[in-house]
């Protein structure tokens, strides 16, 4: 009986860890997307040939 409780506790901790990892990966993806948008906007500004935009 005690072994079942330990196993259940380990499984619950593993599931909580995997959920936290999913949110972390999602956050990193959003940060990378935001950085990519900024780079794209800067590149667009640099191609409009207006002095001082780049």
Protein backbone atom coordinates (compact mmCIF):
# COMPACT_ATOMS: atom_id res chain seq x y z
CA UNK A 1 0.00 0.00 0.00
CA UNK A 2 2.80 2.44 0.84
CA UNK A 3 4.49 1.75 -2.50
CA UNK A 4 1.30 2.71 -4.36
CA UNK A 5 1.20 6.08 -2.58
CA UNK A 6 4.82 6.77 -3.44
CA UNK A 7 4.22 5.83 -7.05
CA UNK A 8 1.14 8.05 -7.19
CA UNK A 9 3.08 10.95 -5.68
CA UNK A 10 5.90 10.55 -8.20
CA UNK A 11 3.45 10.39 -11.10
CA UNK A 12 1.63 13.50 -9.89
CA UNK A 13 4.89 15.43 -9.59
CA UNK A 14 5.92 14.33 -13.07
CA UNK A 15 2.60 15.47 -14.52
CA UNK A 16 2.86 18.86 -12.78
CA UNK A 17 6.39 19.27 -14.12
CA UNK A 18 5.32 18.48 -17.65
CA UNK A 19 2.50 21.03 -17.47
CA UNK A 20 4.91 23.69 -16.27
CA UNK A 21 7.27 22.83 -19.12
CA UNK A 22 4.45 23.28 -21.65
CA UNK A 23 3.76 26.78 -20.40
CA UNK A 24 7.47 27.60 -20.47
CA UNK A 25 7.84 26.42 -24.07
CA UNK A 26 4.74 28.38 -25.06
CA UNK A 27 6.19 31.51 -23.45
CA UNK A 28 9.50 31.09 -25.24
CA UNK A 29 7.65 30.67 -28.52
CA UNK A 30 5.76 33.91 -27.95
CA UNK A 31 8.98 35.74 -27.06
CA UNK A 32 10.69 34.48 -30.22
CA UNK A 33 7.70 35.47 -32.31
CA UNK A 34 7.78 38.97 -30.83
CA UNK A 35 11.51 39.27 -31.52
CA UNK A 36 10.96 38.13 -35.10
CA UNK A 37 8.23 40.72 -35.57
CA UNK A 38 10.56 43.45 -34.31
CA UNK A 39 13.32 42.36 -36.69
CA UNK A 40 10.86 42.28 -39.56
CA UNK A 41 9.58 45.78 -38.73
CA UNK A 42 13.15 47.13 -38.58
CA UNK A 43 14.01 45.51 -41.89
CA UNK A 44 10.90 47.02 -43.43
CA UNK A 45 11.86 50.47 -42.13
CA UNK A 46 15.36 50.09 -43.58
CA UNK A 47 14.06 49.25 -47.04
CA UNK A 48 11.85 52.33 -47.38
CA UNK A 49 14.98 54.38 -48.21
CA UNK A 50 14.14 57.22 -45.81
CA UNK A 51 17.25 58.58 -44.12
CA UNK A 52 17.33 57.94 -40.35
CA UNK A 53 14.79 55.12 -40.23
CA UNK A 54 17.38 52.39 -40.07
